Amino acid sequence: MSENKLQSYIALGKQIYDISKTREARRYYVFLLRSLRYRSRLNSLQRHFNSDPLLKEIQKLYPFVYEQPTRAFFFNKSTFDERANIVKNHLDYLADKLQPEVLKDLYQEKNLTIWDGGEIDGQHFRAVLYYEAGQRKEGMMSVVLRLDNKPLYQIIFWIAPDKKENWSMWIGAMQGPNMDDAKEIVKKITNSCHRYRTKNLILYIAQAVARILGLQKIYAVTNYGYYANNHIRTDRKLKTSFSDFWAEAGGHSTADERFDELPLVEPRKTMDEVPTRKRAVYRRRFELLDTIDAAIAESIKKMLR
């Protein structure tokens, strides 16, 4: 390997890791070793990104595109080639769909509002497209429900084709609130959304985003497929069973036990299926969801090429 290439890996590693910290320094050296091991495939990825002016800018804003393939991220038992293809396919798709400035904003950790839910107890409630380096274990993009600047619920995902070449959203994680008064906040938001659960709302928004971006399928990581397999550890159990929730949301298992397939459109009960005493609530809820759909469509269409 040439001296220039080694220096490029060293420079990348120093962009990614704060080597003044012991743990980060260790990861830096591991990254260098793995980069040497996979250098031909990393070189191919670099050539791909350098061949397109927009992708060349994105890789500078987000150097983690070279770290993610080298670590056991995204889903359980993922391979280097699978992770490299995820990074490449995801950014290729977005570069083709989104306006360049929108894509650059996304990878500079800017909140791109796609629905404004108004105020709840004096706090601004909204849905945004967002991404930060701390989410890179589970994906490459996210939809987030924020209360002021605090993340309430988020779904982290990537975009890539499935085995039948259907461009798809792949959900790597769903995360709930991490705040002292979380239960009370979630209860207030649920009531303001006509008893529609907040975790259902974030999935509904993710489904809307998938449709507007032209995706054909949605797959979601199961408990078995979660990248860290944390649910089998007594000290780090998942707060939510992914598999149970996906089933509640109309999902079904696939040939790959690591992923369930979810509907692109949330199944709705007909009014005949709803008890009479609850019909007014359901009507208001469906009206709200239709409003959210329209707002997301309008917001994202402004971001498209």
Protein backbone atom coordinates (compact mmCIF):
# COMPACT_ATOMS: atom_id res chain seq x y z
CA MET A 1 0.00 0.00 0.00
CA SER A 2 1.26 3.47 -0.85
CA GLU A 3 2.34 5.94 1.79
CA ASN A 4 -0.31 8.40 0.54
CA LYS A 5 -3.09 5.88 1.08
CA LEU A 6 -1.91 5.11 4.61
CA GLN A 7 -1.83 8.83 5.36
CA SER A 8 -5.39 9.20 4.03
CA TYR A 9 -6.59 6.50 6.45
CA ILE A 10 -4.73 8.19 9.30
CA ALA A 11 -6.36 11.51 8.42
CA LEU A 12 -9.79 9.86 8.24
CA GLY A 13 -9.29 8.19 11.59
CA LYS A 14 -8.40 11.50 13.22
CA GLN A 15 -11.55 13.09 11.77
CA ILE A 16 -13.69 10.30 13.19
CA TYR A 17 -12.11 9.76 16.61
CA ASP A 18 -10.94 12.04 19.40
CA ILE A 19 -7.62 10.33 20.06
CA SER A 20 -7.06 12.37 23.23
CA LYS A 21 -9.55 10.00 24.88
CA THR A 22 -8.38 6.48 25.68
CA ARG A 23 -11.43 4.66 24.32
CA GLU A 24 -11.49 6.75 21.16
CA ALA A 25 -7.76 6.25 20.64
CA ARG A 26 -8.26 2.49 20.82
CA ARG A 27 -11.02 2.69 18.21
CA TYR A 28 -8.77 4.81 16.03
CA TYR A 29 -6.07 2.13 15.93
CA VAL A 30 -8.63 -0.61 15.34
CA PHE A 31 -10.01 1.46 12.44
CA LEU A 32 -6.53 1.73 10.92
CA LEU A 33 -6.00 -2.03 11.19
CA ARG A 34 -9.38 -2.79 9.64
CA SER A 35 -8.79 -0.23 6.91
CA LEU A 36 -5.59 -2.05 5.97
CA ARG A 37 -7.40 -5.37 6.03
CA TYR A 38 -10.22 -4.14 3.77
CA ARG A 39 -8.21 -1.58 1.82
CA SER A 40 -9.21 -2.76 -1.65
CA ARG A 41 -12.92 -2.47 -0.85
CA LEU A 42 -12.50 0.82 1.00
CA ASN A 43 -10.51 2.15 -1.95
CA SER A 44 -13.39 1.18 -4.23
CA LEU A 45 -15.82 3.05 -1.96
CA GLN A 46 -13.56 6.11 -1.99
CA ARG A 47 -13.33 6.06 -5.78
CA HIS A 48 -17.12 5.91 -5.97
CA PHE A 49 -17.63 8.91 -3.70
CA ASN A 50 -14.85 10.91 -5.35
CA SER A 51 -16.38 10.34 -8.78
CA ASP A 52 -19.43 12.51 -7.96
CA PRO A 53 -19.07 16.17 -6.86
CA LEU A 54 -21.97 16.05 -4.40
CA LEU A 55 -20.94 12.74 -2.83
CA LYS A 56 -17.40 14.06 -2.59
CA GLU A 57 -18.71 16.91 -0.44
CA ILE A 58 -20.87 14.59 1.67
CA GLN A 59 -17.96 12.27 2.51
CA LYS A 60 -16.06 15.27 3.85
CA LEU A 61 -19.01 16.35 5.99
CA TYR A 62 -19.61 12.78 7.09
CA PRO A 63 -16.36 10.74 7.13
CA PHE A 64 -18.15 7.97 9.03
CA VAL A 65 -19.11 6.46 5.65
CA TYR A 66 -15.67 4.83 5.84
CA GLU A 67 -15.96 3.77 9.45
CA GLN A 68 -19.42 2.17 9.28
CA PRO A 69 -18.40 -0.68 6.94
CA THR A 70 -15.50 -1.59 9.24
CA ARG A 71 -17.66 -2.07 12.36
CA ALA A 72 -20.45 -4.52 13.22
CA PHE A 73 -23.19 -1.95 12.71
CA PHE A 74 -26.71 -1.79 11.21
CA PHE A 75 -27.96 -5.31 12.01
CA ASN A 76 -26.92 -8.57 13.64
CA LYS A 77 -24.26 -10.55 11.74
CA SER A 78 -23.91 -7.95 8.99
CA THR A 79 -20.86 -8.34 6.75
CA PHE A 80 -18.38 -5.75 5.53
CA ASP A 81 -19.76 -5.92 2.00
CA GLU A 82 -23.36 -5.53 3.22
CA ARG A 83 -22.43 -2.47 5.25
CA ALA A 84 -20.41 -0.92 2.41
CA ASN A 85 -23.34 -1.43 0.05
CA ILE A 86 -25.72 0.17 2.55
CA VAL A 87 -23.55 3.29 2.75
CA LYS A 88 -23.17 3.49 -1.03
CA ASN A 89 -26.82 2.76 -1.91
CA HIS A 90 -28.24 5.09 0.74
CA LEU A 91 -26.22 8.10 -0.36
CA ASP A 92 -26.63 7.35 -4.06
CA TYR A 93 -30.41 7.28 -3.63
CA LEU A 94 -30.59 10.49 -1.62
CA ALA A 95 -28.17 12.30 -3.92
CA ASP A 96 -30.48 11.45 -6.80
CA LYS A 97 -33.68 12.44 -4.96
CA LEU A 98 -32.84 15.41 -2.74
CA GLN A 99 -31.64 18.88 -3.59
CA PRO A 100 -27.88 19.12 -2.90
CA GLU A 101 -28.26 21.73 -0.15
CA VAL A 102 -30.87 19.62 1.62
CA LEU A 103 -28.59 16.58 1.61
CA LYS A 104 -25.68 18.64 2.90
CA ASP A 105 -27.85 20.14 5.65
CA LEU A 106 -28.91 16.66 6.72
CA TYR A 107 -25.29 15.57 7.18
CA GLN A 108 -24.43 18.76 9.03
CA GLU A 109 -26.89 17.76 11.78
CA LYS A 110 -29.57 20.31 10.89
CA ASN A 111 -33.19 19.63 11.84
CA LEU A 112 -35.35 19.65 8.70
CA THR A 113 -38.93 20.14 9.87
CA ILE A 114 -41.50 18.06 8.00
CA TRP A 115 -44.52 18.56 10.29
CA ASP A 116 -45.29 21.24 12.88
CA GLY A 117 -47.49 19.94 15.68
CA GLY A 118 -47.84 23.26 17.45
CA GLU A 119 -47.36 23.72 21.18
CA ILE A 120 -47.91 21.29 24.01
CA ASP A 121 -47.61 22.85 27.48
CA GLY A 122 -45.66 25.73 25.97
CA GLN A 123 -43.19 23.45 24.19
CA HIS A 124 -42.81 23.19 20.42
CA PHE A 125 -43.86 19.75 19.12
CA ARG A 126 -42.67 18.79 15.64
CA ALA A 127 -41.34 16.04 13.39
CA VAL A 128 -37.98 16.44 11.65
CA LEU A 129 -35.60 14.66 9.35
CA TYR A 130 -32.29 14.54 11.17
CA TYR A 131 -29.02 12.69 11.47
CA GLU A 132 -26.03 12.79 13.79
CA ALA A 133 -22.94 10.65 14.13
CA GLY A 134 -24.25 9.14 17.38
CA GLN A 135 -26.98 7.36 15.37
CA ARG A 136 -24.54 5.66 13.01
CA LYS A 137 -24.72 2.26 14.69
CA GLU A 138 -28.34 1.81 13.61
CA GLY A 139 -28.62 3.68 10.34
CA MET A 140 -27.89 6.69 8.16
CA MET A 141 -30.97 8.90 8.56
CA SER A 142 -33.77 9.39 11.05
CA VAL A 143 -37.20 10.82 11.64
CA VAL A 144 -37.49 12.41 15.06
CA LEU A 145 -40.36 13.74 17.13
CA ARG A 146 -39.00 16.70 19.08
CA LEU A 147 -40.42 18.60 21.99
CA ASP A 148 -38.51 21.86 21.78
CA ASN A 149 -34.98 20.52 21.15
CA LYS A 150 -35.42 17.27 23.06
CA PRO A 151 -35.83 14.05 21.07
CA LEU A 152 -38.99 12.25 22.15
CA TYR A 153 -39.22 9.33 19.73
CA GLN A 154 -37.04 8.52 16.76
CA ILE A 155 -36.76 5.91 14.04
CA ILE A 156 -33.29 5.42 12.55
CA PHE A 157 -33.05 3.85 9.11
CA TRP A 158 -31.16 3.47 5.86
CA ILE A 159 -32.27 3.20 2.22
CA ALA A 160 -31.23 0.27 0.04
CA PRO A 161 -32.77 -2.23 -2.39
CA ASP A 162 -34.08 -5.57 -1.14
CA LYS A 163 -33.32 -8.89 -2.83
CA LYS A 164 -35.95 -8.17 -5.49
CA GLU A 165 -34.42 -4.75 -6.21
CA ASN A 166 -37.25 -2.86 -4.54
CA TRP A 167 -35.85 0.36 -3.08
CA SER A 168 -36.74 0.11 0.59
CA MET A 169 -36.57 1.78 3.98
CA TRP A 170 -34.72 -0.43 6.48
CA ILE A 171 -35.41 0.50 10.10
CA GLY A 172 -32.41 -0.22 12.31
CA ALA A 173 -33.89 1.03 15.59
CA MET A 174 -36.78 2.82 17.24
CA GLN A 175 -35.88 4.78 20.35
CA GLY A 176 -38.16 6.31 22.96
CA PRO A 177 -37.76 9.24 25.33
CA ASN A 178 -34.88 9.44 27.77
CA MET A 179 -36.01 12.07 30.24
CA ASP A 180 -37.17 12.14 33.86
CA ASP A 181 -40.79 13.02 33.14
CA ALA A 182 -41.08 10.86 30.02
CA LYS A 183 -44.27 9.04 31.06
CA GLU A 184 -46.12 12.26 31.78
CA ILE A 185 -44.98 13.88 28.52
CA VAL A 186 -45.94 10.85 26.43
CA LYS A 187 -49.36 10.76 28.14
CA LYS A 188 -50.00 14.43 27.27
CA ILE A 189 -48.97 13.95 23.65
CA THR A 190 -51.06 10.79 23.35
CA ASN A 191 -54.09 12.72 24.59
CA SER A 192 -53.40 15.63 22.25
CA CYS A 193 -53.26 13.13 19.35
CA HIS A 194 -56.68 11.69 20.24
CA ARG A 195 -55.25 8.72 22.15
CA TYR A 196 -52.91 7.75 19.35
CA ARG A 197 -49.73 6.34 20.89
CA THR A 198 -46.55 8.32 20.31
CA LYS A 199 -44.59 5.32 19.08
CA ASN A 200 -47.34 4.66 16.53
CA LEU A 201 -47.10 8.29 15.49
CA ILE A 202 -43.36 8.11 14.80
CA LEU A 203 -43.88 4.96 12.71
CA TYR A 204 -46.75 6.64 10.84
CA ILE A 205 -44.45 9.54 10.02
CA ALA A 206 -41.67 7.19 8.88
CA GLN A 207 -44.15 5.44 6.58
CA ALA A 208 -45.18 8.79 5.11
CA VAL A 209 -41.53 9.72 4.52
CA ALA A 210 -40.90 6.39 2.78
CA ARG A 211 -43.83 6.94 0.41
CA ILE A 212 -42.88 10.52 -0.49
CA LEU A 213 -39.28 9.44 -1.16
CA GLY A 214 -40.59 6.87 -3.62
CA LEU A 215 -39.68 3.77 -1.61
CA GLN A 216 -41.56 0.55 -2.32
CA LYS A 217 -41.06 -1.47 0.86
CA ILE A 218 -40.33 -1.05 4.57
CA TYR A 219 -38.34 -3.58 6.57
CA ALA A 220 -37.66 -3.31 10.29
CA VAL A 221 -35.06 -5.01 12.41
CA THR A 222 -36.43 -7.69 14.76
CA ASN A 223 -35.24 -8.36 18.29
CA TYR A 224 -32.92 -11.01 16.82
CA GLY A 225 -31.72 -8.69 14.10
CA TYR A 226 -30.88 -5.70 16.31
CA TYR A 227 -27.22 -4.92 15.66
CA ALA A 228 -26.04 -5.24 19.27
CA ASN A 229 -28.35 -8.13 20.23
CA ASN A 230 -28.82 -6.24 23.51
CA HIS A 231 -32.15 -7.84 24.33
CA ILE A 232 -30.46 -11.06 25.47
CA ARG A 233 -28.37 -9.26 28.09
CA THR A 234 -29.90 -8.87 31.53
CA ASP A 235 -28.25 -5.47 32.06
CA ARG A 236 -29.21 -3.90 28.70
CA LYS A 237 -32.71 -5.03 27.79
CA LEU A 238 -34.57 -3.24 25.05
CA LYS A 239 -37.20 -0.87 26.40
CA THR A 240 -39.49 -1.92 23.56
CA SER A 241 -39.75 -5.31 21.92
CA PHE A 242 -39.27 -4.44 18.26
CA SER A 243 -40.81 -7.69 17.04
CA ASP A 244 -43.98 -7.32 19.13
CA PHE A 245 -44.50 -3.73 18.04
CA TRP A 246 -43.95 -4.46 14.35
CA ALA A 247 -46.58 -7.21 14.57
CA GLU A 248 -49.03 -4.80 16.24
CA ALA A 249 -48.37 -2.34 13.40
CA GLY A 250 -49.33 -4.86 10.73
CA GLY A 251 -45.89 -6.30 10.06
CA HIS A 252 -45.04 -9.89 9.25
CA SER A 253 -41.94 -12.05 9.33
CA THR A 254 -39.70 -12.60 6.30
CA ALA A 255 -37.31 -15.33 5.16
CA ASP A 256 -34.57 -13.37 6.99
CA GLU A 257 -35.35 -13.63 10.70
CA ARG A 258 -33.48 -10.40 11.29
CA PHE A 259 -36.18 -8.34 9.57
CA ASP A 260 -39.96 -8.03 9.49
CA GLU A 261 -41.76 -6.37 6.60
CA LEU A 262 -44.07 -3.47 7.52
CA PRO A 263 -46.89 -1.96 5.46
CA LEU A 264 -46.19 1.26 3.59
CA VAL A 265 -49.59 2.52 4.72
CA GLU A 266 -50.87 1.98 8.26
CA PRO A 267 -53.97 -0.26 8.27
CA ARG A 268 -57.03 1.61 9.53
CA LYS A 269 -60.18 0.31 11.12
CA THR A 270 -63.42 1.16 9.39
CA MET A 271 -66.00 3.02 11.45
CA ASP A 272 -68.09 -0.16 11.51
CA GLU A 273 -65.22 -1.86 13.35
CA VAL A 274 -64.99 0.90 15.97
CA PRO A 275 -67.32 0.81 19.00
CA THR A 276 -69.93 3.57 18.79
CA ARG A 277 -68.64 5.34 21.91
CA LYS A 278 -65.16 5.69 20.35
CA ARG A 279 -66.10 6.83 16.85
CA ALA A 280 -65.75 10.56 17.52
CA VAL A 281 -62.20 10.02 18.83
CA TYR A 282 -61.28 7.90 15.82
CA ARG A 283 -62.66 10.46 13.39
CA ARG A 284 -60.58 13.22 14.97
CA ARG A 285 -57.53 10.95 15.02
CA PHE A 286 -57.89 10.07 11.33
CA GLU A 287 -58.34 13.74 10.46
CA LEU A 288 -55.13 14.54 12.33
CA LEU A 289 -53.22 11.75 10.57
CA ASP A 290 -54.48 12.92 7.17
CA THR A 291 -53.28 16.44 8.03
CA ILE A 292 -49.87 15.06 9.02
CA ASP A 293 -49.67 13.11 5.75
CA ALA A 294 -50.41 16.22 3.71
CA ALA A 295 -47.92 18.35 5.66
CA ILE A 296 -45.11 15.80 5.26
CA ALA A 297 -45.83 15.44 1.55
CA GLU A 298 -45.72 19.22 1.06
CA SER A 299 -42.53 19.62 3.13
CA ILE A 300 -40.54 16.83 1.50
CA LYS A 301 -41.63 17.69 -2.04
CA LYS A 302 -39.93 21.05 -1.52
CA MET A 303 -36.72 19.17 -0.71
CA LEU A 304 -36.79 17.02 -3.84
CA ARG A 305 -34.95 17.74 -7.06
